[in-house]
Amino acid sequence: MEQTSSLPSDSALQALEDRLPKYDTGPPSVKLKDVLTQDELDEKNKLLDELESRLLPSIQEQLGPLVASLGLRSDSKRNFGLTYNILSTLEETCWNTILCIESVSGDMKMISTHDYHFERCKFYRCCELMFIPSNLSDHLHRLFMHSIELIKASKVSRNYAETTECQNLERRILRDAAEFSDYTRQTIKWLQGSDLYIIQEEWREKEDQLDVLLQVFTDLTHPTSVRQRNNTSALRKHVNELAELTIPLVKLTRIFSKKVSNTATTKLPFTLDTNLNSRTLCTLHELPESIERYFYQLVKAFRDAYTTNELVDRQIVIGYPLRHISHILETTLVLLALYLIPLPTTDTNHDSPESIYKAWFSAWQEAWHGAFNNISCALQTFEG
């Protein structure tokens, strides 16, 4: 990797760094709207097209040349003057991207029952869009500062490229650029996705946590230390039993989550009615996080009870989260039953897709009720 003599001045580099603080400020305050005119919808759709087809792809296209200008490709030479120009353009593109997103979503209320015909301009989608600027800013900031750090250090020492510190910094820059590119690609995919795709992404993200929870509850049923095994009171035995009875609930939740999030690969593919309003979409989007939160409340209740050998207000600390988990899943089941649209399959089964789904829902619900009743009865029995 050969280094050119084209080095930006310290003042020029400082001017680049001075651009970053503006990303720490939030969007301007605007009056939130419940409804949009057709002209406003048309303008927002144009901005979304701009995001998807020009701004975000432009960010991706600049990352490869940036890495090459830093000499981090096997066939590239360092050209820090070019690096400076690319960083300057990249920052400008990111800023315009953020301004575009704020123009689309900054005046939108998240909850609405009247926007079912807004398509990709639904309040729900626009409010989810508002999470992108901070993530975009984080990726830019890391790549920006590490690139400038490499330039500055290389100006101070001709031999810096041979040091371990430099090699570590170069690896960080490569990782920064790869993560930035991946995030941009995922954002474009998100913009192109349906309402169902966005909801599925949220359910899919929580699936790993269900695996973690399954292991946590399994561990709670098996005391690890000799002291714990030799000091098992009646209450601790009952806590172990309750933890064991929670495991089927976690497994059934995981089955349900996979059914919601993997419609493309399932034997029973489906989509959602495209005319759902933002209130319903928000409900479906937020449910997996609520499920996770209530399961962890159970984890805390079981651990606290086992540690202290006390369990006060059992129906509150254990019964409350259990009932909420059940209510959430039942709510999701009802919403899917109302708005789910089965897709054609190559299955030779003569039953209609609707009847197949109805049978699956019924079987899952029966299994859930059985598992839920088991733990509810165990909790009541201990209450005496």
Protein backbone atom coordinates (compact mmCIF):
# COMPACT_ATOMS: atom_id res chain seq x y z
CA MET A 1 0.00 0.00 0.00
CA GLU A 2 1.72 3.08 -1.23
CA GLN A 3 0.97 6.41 0.38
CA THR A 4 0.63 9.51 -1.74
CA SER A 5 1.72 12.96 -0.70
CA SER A 6 -1.82 14.30 -1.10
CA LEU A 7 -2.55 15.07 2.55
CA PRO A 8 -5.40 17.36 3.65
CA SER A 9 -4.44 20.10 6.08
CA ASP A 10 -5.23 19.93 9.79
CA SER A 11 -7.71 22.77 9.37
CA ALA A 12 -9.49 20.90 6.58
CA LEU A 13 -9.76 17.77 8.74
CA GLN A 14 -11.04 19.85 11.64
CA ALA A 15 -13.66 21.37 9.36
CA LEU A 16 -14.83 17.84 8.55
CA GLU A 17 -15.09 16.92 12.23
CA ASP A 18 -16.99 20.14 12.91
CA ARG A 19 -19.81 18.88 10.70
CA LEU A 20 -20.69 16.06 13.08
CA PRO A 21 -22.28 17.91 16.05
CA LYS A 22 -25.34 18.81 13.97
CA TYR A 23 -26.31 15.12 13.99
CA ASP A 24 -26.82 15.32 17.75
CA THR A 25 -29.74 17.72 17.38
CA GLY A 26 -33.24 16.33 16.96
CA PRO A 27 -35.64 17.15 14.14
CA PRO A 28 -37.35 20.55 14.21
CA SER A 29 -40.65 20.79 16.07
CA VAL A 30 -43.63 20.68 13.75
CA LYS A 31 -47.37 20.39 14.16
CA LEU A 32 -48.39 16.73 14.08
CA LYS A 33 -51.09 15.74 11.61
CA ASP A 34 -53.90 13.22 11.85
CA VAL A 35 -54.74 13.32 8.15
CA LEU A 36 -52.88 14.11 4.93
CA THR A 37 -54.07 15.74 1.73
CA GLN A 38 -53.45 14.00 -1.58
CA ASP A 39 -50.77 16.58 -2.42
CA GLU A 40 -49.00 15.83 0.87
CA LEU A 41 -49.18 12.10 0.18
CA ASP A 42 -47.76 12.61 -3.31
CA GLU A 43 -44.87 14.68 -1.93
CA LYS A 44 -44.04 12.07 0.73
CA ASN A 45 -44.07 9.32 -1.88
CA LYS A 46 -41.63 11.30 -4.01
CA LEU A 47 -39.32 11.66 -1.01
CA LEU A 48 -39.52 7.93 -0.30
CA ASP A 49 -38.61 7.25 -3.93
CA GLU A 50 -35.66 9.62 -3.51
CA LEU A 51 -34.52 7.73 -0.41
CA GLU A 52 -34.85 4.31 -1.98
CA SER A 53 -33.50 4.98 -5.47
CA ARG A 54 -30.89 7.74 -5.00
CA LEU A 55 -29.80 8.76 -1.49
CA LEU A 56 -29.31 5.40 0.21
CA PRO A 57 -27.77 3.73 -2.87
CA SER A 58 -25.41 6.73 -3.13
CA ILE A 59 -24.19 6.09 0.43
CA GLN A 60 -23.48 2.46 -0.46
CA GLU A 61 -21.66 3.44 -3.65
CA GLN A 62 -19.30 5.77 -1.77
CA LEU A 63 -18.17 3.26 0.84
CA GLY A 64 -16.12 1.08 -1.51
CA PRO A 65 -14.12 4.00 -2.98
CA LEU A 66 -13.59 5.35 0.54
CA VAL A 67 -12.01 2.09 1.69
CA ALA A 68 -9.88 1.99 -1.48
CA SER A 69 -8.69 5.58 -1.00
CA LEU A 70 -7.41 4.60 2.45
CA GLY A 71 -5.36 1.84 0.84
CA LEU A 72 -7.35 -0.93 2.50
CA ARG A 73 -7.85 -2.97 -0.66
CA SER A 74 -5.12 -5.27 -1.92
CA ASP A 75 -4.93 -3.44 -5.25
CA SER A 76 -5.33 0.12 -3.89
CA LYS A 77 -2.96 2.93 -2.99
CA ARG A 78 -3.50 5.48 -0.27
CA ASN A 79 -4.79 8.80 -1.49
CA PHE A 80 -5.82 10.83 1.54
CA GLY A 81 -6.76 13.80 -0.63
CA LEU A 82 -9.36 11.59 -2.30
CA THR A 83 -10.38 10.25 1.13
CA TYR A 84 -11.09 13.81 2.25
CA ASN A 85 -13.27 14.47 -0.80
CA ILE A 86 -15.22 11.22 -0.38
CA LEU A 87 -15.79 11.84 3.35
CA SER A 88 -17.05 15.33 2.55
CA THR A 89 -19.49 14.01 -0.07
CA LEU A 90 -20.55 11.08 2.12
CA GLU A 91 -21.37 13.39 5.02
CA GLU A 92 -23.43 15.62 2.73
CA THR A 93 -25.33 12.62 1.37
CA CYS A 94 -26.06 11.32 4.88
CA TRP A 95 -27.28 14.71 6.00
CA ASN A 96 -29.59 15.03 2.98
CA THR A 97 -30.85 11.52 3.70
CA ILE A 98 -31.73 12.47 7.26
CA LEU A 99 -33.44 15.68 6.14
CA CYS A 100 -35.44 13.65 3.63
CA ILE A 101 -36.55 11.18 6.31
CA GLU A 102 -37.57 14.01 8.63
CA SER A 103 -39.59 15.59 5.83
CA VAL A 104 -41.45 12.32 5.32
CA SER A 105 -42.14 11.42 8.94
CA GLY A 106 -41.50 14.42 11.17
CA ASP A 107 -45.12 15.61 11.12
CA MET A 108 -46.81 12.23 11.48
CA LYS A 109 -48.68 10.82 14.46
CA MET A 110 -47.92 7.18 15.13
CA ILE A 111 -51.39 6.02 16.10
CA SER A 112 -54.18 6.43 13.59
CA THR A 113 -57.27 4.51 12.59
CA HIS A 114 -57.84 6.50 9.40
CA ASP A 115 -54.69 5.90 7.35
CA TYR A 116 -55.35 2.40 6.01
CA HIS A 117 -55.27 3.76 2.41
CA PHE A 118 -51.95 5.64 2.79
CA GLU A 119 -49.94 2.55 1.80
CA ARG A 120 -46.21 3.19 2.46
CA CYS A 121 -47.03 6.61 3.95
CA LYS A 122 -49.01 5.13 6.83
CA PHE A 123 -48.25 6.80 10.15
CA TYR A 124 -46.95 3.50 11.51
CA ARG A 125 -44.34 3.15 8.77
CA CYS A 126 -43.31 6.80 8.96
CA CYS A 127 -42.78 6.63 12.70
CA GLU A 128 -40.70 3.48 12.34
CA LEU A 129 -38.72 5.40 9.71
CA MET A 130 -37.73 7.92 12.40
CA PHE A 131 -35.39 5.35 13.98
CA ILE A 132 -33.19 5.41 10.88
CA PRO A 133 -31.50 8.85 11.28
CA SER A 134 -29.87 8.04 14.63
CA ASN A 135 -28.58 4.69 13.32
CA LEU A 136 -27.33 6.34 10.15
CA SER A 137 -25.59 9.00 12.23
CA ASP A 138 -23.91 6.39 14.44
CA HIS A 139 -22.50 4.52 11.45
CA LEU A 140 -21.28 7.73 9.82
CA HIS A 141 -19.68 8.99 13.02
CA ARG A 142 -17.66 5.81 13.61
CA LEU A 143 -16.41 5.59 10.02
CA PHE A 144 -15.72 9.33 9.87
CA MET A 145 -13.69 9.54 13.07
CA HIS A 146 -11.66 6.38 12.46
CA SER A 147 -10.81 7.51 8.91
CA ILE A 148 -9.72 10.95 10.12
CA GLU A 149 -7.72 9.32 12.92
CA LEU A 150 -5.85 7.23 10.34
CA ILE A 151 -5.06 10.29 8.22
CA LYS A 152 -3.84 12.33 11.20
CA ALA A 153 -1.65 9.54 12.57
CA SER A 154 -0.15 8.90 9.13
CA LYS A 155 0.75 12.58 8.85
CA VAL A 156 2.67 12.44 12.13
CA SER A 157 4.69 9.28 11.40
CA ARG A 158 5.85 7.89 8.06
CA ASN A 159 6.15 4.43 9.63
CA TYR A 160 2.66 4.44 11.15
CA ALA A 161 1.36 1.99 8.52
CA GLU A 162 3.72 -0.68 9.85
CA THR A 163 2.52 -0.46 13.46
CA THR A 164 0.09 -2.78 15.22
CA GLU A 165 -1.98 0.26 16.20
CA CYS A 166 -2.44 1.16 12.53
CA GLN A 167 -3.36 -2.39 11.58
CA ASN A 168 -5.99 -2.51 14.33
CA LEU A 169 -7.39 0.84 13.19
CA GLU A 170 -7.55 -0.36 9.59
CA ARG A 171 -9.52 -3.44 10.68
CA ARG A 172 -11.96 -1.19 12.55
CA ILE A 173 -12.44 0.96 9.46
CA LEU A 174 -13.11 -2.10 7.30
CA ARG A 175 -15.63 -3.32 9.88
CA ASP A 176 -17.23 0.14 10.08
CA ALA A 177 -17.61 0.32 6.31
CA ALA A 178 -19.03 -3.22 6.07
CA GLU A 179 -21.57 -2.57 8.84
CA PHE A 180 -22.54 0.78 7.30
CA SER A 181 -23.05 -0.87 3.90
CA ASP A 182 -25.10 -3.69 5.43
CA TYR A 183 -27.28 -1.25 7.36
CA THR A 184 -27.91 0.82 4.23
CA ARG A 185 -28.81 -2.31 2.26
CA GLN A 186 -31.20 -3.45 5.00
CA THR A 187 -32.80 0.00 5.09
CA ILE A 188 -33.45 -0.09 1.35
CA LYS A 189 -34.98 -3.54 1.78
CA TRP A 190 -37.07 -2.18 4.66
CA LEU A 191 -38.39 0.66 2.49
CA GLN A 192 -39.34 -1.81 -0.22
CA GLY A 193 -40.98 -4.19 2.25
CA SER A 194 -44.65 -4.57 3.01
CA ASP A 195 -46.28 -3.78 6.35
CA LEU A 196 -46.08 -7.49 7.12
CA TYR A 197 -42.34 -7.56 6.37
CA ILE A 198 -41.68 -4.81 8.93
CA ILE A 199 -43.75 -6.60 11.57
CA GLN A 200 -42.04 -9.91 10.80
CA GLU A 201 -38.61 -8.32 11.27
CA GLU A 202 -39.62 -7.32 14.81
CA TRP A 203 -40.93 -10.81 15.64
CA ARG A 204 -37.83 -12.39 14.08
CA GLU A 205 -35.49 -10.22 16.16
CA LYS A 206 -37.12 -11.52 19.35
CA GLU A 207 -36.85 -15.21 18.44
CA ASP A 208 -33.29 -15.48 19.74
CA GLN A 209 -34.44 -14.11 23.08
CA LEU A 210 -37.04 -16.89 23.30
CA ASP A 211 -34.20 -19.41 22.93
CA VAL A 212 -32.35 -17.62 25.74
CA LEU A 213 -35.47 -17.65 27.90
CA LEU A 214 -35.95 -21.36 27.29
CA GLN A 215 -32.45 -22.00 28.63
CA VAL A 216 -33.01 -19.65 31.59
CA PHE A 217 -36.20 -21.43 32.69
CA THR A 218 -34.52 -24.81 32.18
CA ASP A 219 -31.66 -23.72 34.43
CA LEU A 220 -34.16 -22.58 37.07
CA THR A 221 -35.50 -26.12 37.32
CA HIS A 222 -32.06 -27.54 38.19
CA PRO A 223 -30.24 -26.01 41.19
CA THR A 224 -26.55 -25.90 40.33
CA SER A 225 -24.73 -25.67 43.65
CA VAL A 226 -24.54 -28.34 46.37
CA ARG A 227 -25.83 -25.79 48.86
CA GLN A 228 -28.90 -25.13 46.70
CA ARG A 229 -29.59 -28.85 46.24
CA ASN A 230 -29.31 -29.51 49.97
CA ASN A 231 -31.43 -26.53 50.95
CA THR A 232 -34.58 -27.09 48.93
CA SER A 233 -37.56 -25.90 50.96
CA ALA A 234 -41.17 -26.53 50.00
CA LEU A 235 -41.33 -23.08 48.44
CA ARG A 236 -38.16 -23.62 46.40
CA LYS A 237 -39.50 -26.95 45.15
CA HIS A 238 -42.67 -25.20 44.08
CA VAL A 239 -40.71 -22.45 42.32
CA ASN A 240 -38.83 -25.17 40.43
CA GLU A 241 -42.15 -26.72 39.46
CA LEU A 242 -43.53 -23.39 38.25
CA ALA A 243 -40.37 -22.75 36.22
CA GLU A 244 -40.73 -26.21 34.67
CA LEU A 245 -44.37 -25.51 33.79
CA THR A 246 -43.32 -22.24 32.14
CA ILE A 247 -41.09 -24.08 29.65
CA PRO A 248 -44.03 -25.33 27.49
CA LEU A 249 -45.32 -21.74 27.36
CA VAL A 250 -41.98 -20.51 26.02
CA LYS A 251 -41.86 -23.34 23.47
CA LEU A 252 -45.40 -22.61 22.27
CA THR A 253 -44.59 -18.90 22.06
CA ARG A 254 -41.55 -19.74 19.94
CA ILE A 255 -43.67 -21.91 17.62
CA PHE A 256 -46.18 -19.08 17.29
CA SER A 257 -43.45 -16.52 16.64
CA LYS A 258 -41.92 -18.63 13.88
CA LYS A 259 -45.34 -18.97 12.27
CA VAL A 260 -45.72 -15.18 12.21
CA SER A 261 -42.18 -14.34 11.09
CA ASN A 262 -41.43 -17.01 8.49
CA THR A 263 -44.35 -16.85 6.11
CA ALA A 264 -42.17 -17.16 3.01
CA THR A 265 -40.74 -20.56 3.92
CA THR A 266 -43.65 -22.06 5.80
CA LYS A 267 -45.86 -24.72 4.25
CA LEU A 268 -48.73 -22.33 4.91
CA PRO A 269 -47.61 -18.99 3.40
CA PHE A 270 -49.75 -15.93 4.02
CA THR A 271 -49.80 -12.18 3.78
CA LEU A 272 -51.76 -9.49 5.62
CA ASP A 273 -54.60 -7.34 4.45
CA THR A 274 -52.91 -4.21 3.06
CA ASN A 275 -55.71 -2.01 4.35
CA LEU A 276 -54.76 -2.28 8.03
CA ASN A 277 -54.53 1.03 9.85
CA SER A 278 -51.59 2.18 11.95
CA ARG A 279 -53.21 1.37 15.29
CA THR A 280 -53.57 -2.30 14.35
CA LEU A 281 -50.09 -2.44 12.79
CA CYS A 282 -48.55 -0.89 15.92
CA THR A 283 -50.28 -3.49 18.06
CA LEU A 284 -48.83 -6.34 16.00
CA HIS A 285 -45.40 -4.70 15.98
CA GLU A 286 -45.16 -4.12 19.73
CA LEU A 287 -46.46 -7.48 20.94
CA PRO A 288 -43.20 -9.53 20.76
CA GLU A 289 -41.34 -7.00 22.91
CA SER A 290 -44.16 -7.10 25.47
CA ILE A 291 -44.05 -10.90 25.54
CA GLU A 292 -40.30 -10.84 26.18
CA ARG A 293 -40.69 -8.28 28.96
CA TYR A 294 -43.34 -10.31 30.81
CA PHE A 295 -41.34 -13.53 30.54
CA TYR A 296 -38.36 -11.78 32.12
CA GLN A 297 -40.65 -10.57 34.91
CA LEU A 298 -41.34 -14.24 35.60
CA VAL A 299 -37.61 -14.98 35.58
CA LYS A 300 -37.04 -12.27 38.18
CA ALA A 301 -39.94 -13.47 40.34
CA PHE A 302 -38.67 -17.08 40.33
CA ARG A 303 -35.07 -16.08 41.05
CA ASP A 304 -36.05 -13.71 43.85
CA ALA A 305 -38.30 -16.34 45.43
CA TYR A 306 -35.59 -18.99 45.25
CA THR A 307 -32.95 -16.68 46.69
CA THR A 308 -35.01 -15.28 49.56
CA ASN A 309 -37.19 -18.36 50.14
CA GLU A 310 -40.15 -15.97 50.09
CA LEU A 311 -42.88 -15.33 47.56
CA VAL A 312 -45.26 -12.53 48.48
CA ASP A 313 -48.31 -11.73 46.33
CA ARG A 314 -47.85 -14.74 44.06
CA GLN A 315 -50.86 -13.90 41.92
CA ILE A 316 -49.34 -10.48 41.21
CA VAL A 317 -45.66 -11.23 40.66
CA ILE A 318 -46.32 -14.49 38.78
CA GLY A 319 -49.99 -14.51 37.81
CA TYR A 320 -49.93 -10.98 36.37
CA PRO A 321 -47.21 -11.53 33.73
CA LEU A 322 -48.63 -14.97 32.90
CA ARG A 323 -52.06 -13.52 32.19
CA HIS A 324 -50.58 -10.73 30.09
CA ILE A 325 -48.52 -13.12 27.97
CA SER A 326 -51.62 -15.20 27.34
CA HIS A 327 -53.68 -12.11 26.51
CA ILE A 328 -51.04 -10.84 24.06
CA LEU A 329 -50.87 -14.13 22.17
CA GLU A 330 -54.65 -14.47 22.10
CA THR A 331 -54.89 -10.90 20.76
CA THR A 332 -52.37 -11.69 18.03
CA LEU A 333 -54.28 -14.83 17.14
CA VAL A 334 -57.52 -12.85 16.78
CA LEU A 335 -55.84 -10.18 14.62
CA LEU A 336 -54.30 -12.81 12.36
CA ALA A 337 -57.61 -14.62 12.07
CA LEU A 338 -59.24 -11.33 11.01
CA TYR A 339 -56.61 -9.98 8.63
CA LEU A 340 -54.52 -12.92 7.45
CA ILE A 341 -54.75 -13.76 3.75
CA PRO A 342 -53.51 -17.29 2.90
CA LEU A 343 -51.45 -17.55 -0.29
CA PRO A 344 -51.78 -20.32 -2.90
CA THR A 345 -49.60 -23.38 -2.32
CA THR A 346 -48.55 -26.42 -4.34
CA ASP A 347 -49.95 -28.68 -1.62
CA THR A 348 -52.24 -31.34 -3.10
CA ASN A 349 -54.38 -31.28 0.04
CA HIS A 350 -57.93 -30.52 -1.01
CA ASP A 351 -58.64 -28.44 2.07
CA SER A 352 -58.75 -24.69 1.48
CA PRO A 353 -55.86 -22.57 2.84
CA GLU A 354 -58.37 -20.86 5.12
CA SER A 355 -59.47 -24.14 6.70
CA ILE A 356 -55.84 -25.28 7.09
CA TYR A 357 -54.99 -22.10 8.97
CA LYS A 358 -58.11 -22.38 11.07
CA ALA A 359 -57.07 -25.91 12.05
CA TRP A 360 -53.52 -24.76 12.90
CA PHE A 361 -54.79 -21.87 15.02
CA SER A 362 -57.20 -24.17 16.81
CA ALA A 363 -54.54 -26.79 17.55
CA TRP A 364 -52.06 -24.20 18.80
CA GLN A 365 -54.71 -22.51 20.95
CA GLU A 366 -55.73 -25.83 22.50
CA ALA A 367 -52.10 -26.59 23.36
CA TRP A 368 -51.63 -23.11 24.82
CA HIS A 369 -54.75 -23.33 26.97
CA GLY A 370 -53.61 -26.70 28.30
CA ALA A 371 -50.13 -25.43 29.22
CA PHE A 372 -51.52 -22.22 30.69
CA ASN A 373 -54.09 -24.08 32.79
CA ASN A 374 -51.37 -26.39 34.14
CA ILE A 375 -49.29 -23.54 35.54
CA SER A 376 -52.38 -21.63 36.71
CA CYS A 377 -53.57 -24.67 38.68
CA ALA A 378 -50.10 -25.16 40.17
CA LEU A 379 -50.07 -21.54 41.26
CA GLN A 380 -53.55 -21.82 42.80
CA THR A 381 -52.62 -25.05 44.59
CA PHE A 382 -49.68 -23.39 46.24
CA GLU A 383 -51.90 -20.51 47.28
CA GLY A 384 -53.83 -23.02 49.31
